[in-house]
Amino acid sequence: MPTELARLERRHAREQKARQEAEHLLELKSRELFEKNRELEKLSNSLEKLVAKRTSQMQKARDEALTALQVKSDFIANMSHELRTPMNGVLGVLTLLSDEKLSQEQQELVRVALSSGKHLLGVINDILDFSKIEAKKLELELSSVQIEPYFHSVCAPFALDAKKKGIEFRYDIDIGVPKALVTDPLRFTQIISNLLSNAIKFTDNGGVFLSFTPFNSKGVYRLTVADSGIGIGQEHIDSVFAAFEQADNSITRDFGGTGLGMNITKNLVEMFKGQILVESELGEGTTFHVDISFAQGEENSDILPLIDAGENPLAESNILLVEDNPVNQMVAMKMLSKWDCHVDLADDGLCALQMLETKDYQLVLMDLQMPNMGGIEATKRIRASKEKFANIPIVAMTAHNSKEHMQECYDAGMQHHISKPIERDSLQAVVLQYLSVSNDIQESDEIAVDNSLRIPGIDLASALERVNGDWPLLYSLIARFLTENTNLGNTLKRYLADNDQTNAIILLHKVKGGAANLGIAELSSLAGDYETLLAKQQNWPDESAFSSLQMMVDNLNKSMQTVDNPSNENQKSTLRQESQGYVLQQLKDLQNLVNKDLFAAEDILKDLLDCELSEGVLEELKNAQNAMNQFDTPMVSAAIAAALVQLG
């Protein structure tokens, strides 16, 4: 028994010792684990801080990179404008020089200089487009396009280029393509032009072929441009769309170019949410496929008809024209007068509100940028009087064509938007649409343009169309525009010195719109570029830019001096003999119409000048005509009053 007890005591002692050792070991390991956990926690905290620091550094580096990219893009855009400005001046002078009587050798020198200048301008324009795309400042402006005439106008210049190279050029529009599609005509033209330009440039034998076909039933269409030119090696296919790269360095030496055209094309295609594919073999030619989805557009007849003066459904229509620019006033009123509309003129939005209270109008044509009250604010106030003016259509007429401006017009309560320069067919379509008149109308006679008339820098054909072929009126409008802007460059330089951006923007906007309506496209485009630069980027162009504008105005003035003033042409050899009573009544009617209907007054004045008149009356009526050409109605009234006194 004692032995058993001793054995149990020894066993108990061993177990107790083992438990103590286990507890000691557990405590030791727990202590070690605790320390390790503390170290791990410190390390984790340290890593989190390090990750946060690194993330912050990466974010900062990314922001700095984006800022640098934006600065670079803005710099390139601004520099492109500064480079383009003197180039426009150079090309303008060279164009004028090419019209002079030069020897054959001198003509060749001018031709080479013009060709080189246009090439350089193309390079600058590529850089500008690339910088806009990179800075994400390029947006699509969609509109309905009549496909057949659109492709004809786009392809016509390239057909001439191909003919000069002695290669074939053909294009084909598939019968399954609708007559009208919705696209951005400017940017889609850029895609087509870049592809055709490259195809013709790299083709010396064979030809270039363009096709436009439906690609699938989901509204996707395929544009294909194929050539039989030099082709592209397979090792260079991947670099075709890279910026600043050519498929082969020797191409730059042989053919020139920036290497931006295809990159711009690819970016534009992607803006359309489309894709561009290329197939090529060295020496076998190249084929590009562009697949883009287009919505179906509104079909128009090939020739927009004009209203038959004999059965005119618009003759009793009252239209309010809200416009402050005298040139734009006269152009719009001349177009509307063709259809015998009753047109009243308001110089600003405030005046328009007052006139709407006194007369019922079926349509309001509203400019946006005017003194006292602009078109947007005026439209908002008109729409605020819901019961009275709820149904009157308001159409914006402005040189602002951006998506933002158009949306601002619609948000204010306008129903439609007409871009300046005002096109006769566009204005007619809007008038017919919003006055809900019958389309029982007659096809327009082509406006005859005297081919002997030629003024460098002015597209007389389009300008004459806007004034219904009235050459004396157009001459007076151009003369007045140039007189008003004789010191354009110096005025802008003064605004620059005073940092007066507001007045500079207003002046540039007026020049842009007025020049566009008068067919002076280059001046309009340049003024628009500087207006955008000031309005959106708050950056002043270099002073030399304004010198370039001034030079363009000076050149236009010189060009105008080479054309006879139609108002100074000899009187008709046979003058009508009318009674003094007839002349007196016509003068009184003329006096009453001066402040009501300037066009009707002009017709009476022309009629009087065809009559036999005393020297004193004739002189006063000529003074009235000169004042009318300057839109100086007080002076017109004064001259007519003087003629009445002379008549006794």
Foldseek 3Di string as FASTA:
>chain_A
DVVVVVVVVVVVVVVVVVVVVVVVVVVVVVVVVVVVVVVVVVVVVVVVVVVVVVVVVVVVVVVVVVVVLLVVLVVLLQVLLQVVLVLLLVLLVLVVVCPDDDDPVVNVVSVVVNVVSVVVNVQSVLSNLVSCLSNVVDAADKDKDQPPVLVCVLCVVLCVLLVVLVEHEEEEEDPPDDRIWIGRSVLVSLLVCLLSVVQSLQANYYHKYWYWACDDPQQKIKIKIWHQGQWAAPVQQVVLQPFQDDSDPVCCVVRNDRSRSSVSSQSSLVSLVWGKDKDTHGNGIIMIMIIGGIHGHDDDPPFQADADLVDQPQQAAEEEEADQFPLLVLLVVLLVVVRNHQYDYHNALVSVVVVVVVDPHQEYEAEADGPPHGRLVSLLVLVVVCVSRVQRAYEYEFQDDDPVVVVSCVVSPHDYYAHPVHASSVVRVVCCVRSVDDPPGGHDDQQDDDPVDDFRQFPQRRLCNSNSNPVLLLLLLLVLLLVVCLVVLVVLVVCVVVVVLPVLLVVLRSQLRSCRNSRNNVLNVSSVSQSCCCPPVVDHRPSVSSVSSNSVSVSSVVSSVVDDNPLPDDQPPQAAEDDLVVLLVLLVVLLVCLNRPLVVSVVSLVNSCSHDDDPQLNVLSSQLVSCVSNVNSVSNNVSSVSSNVVSD
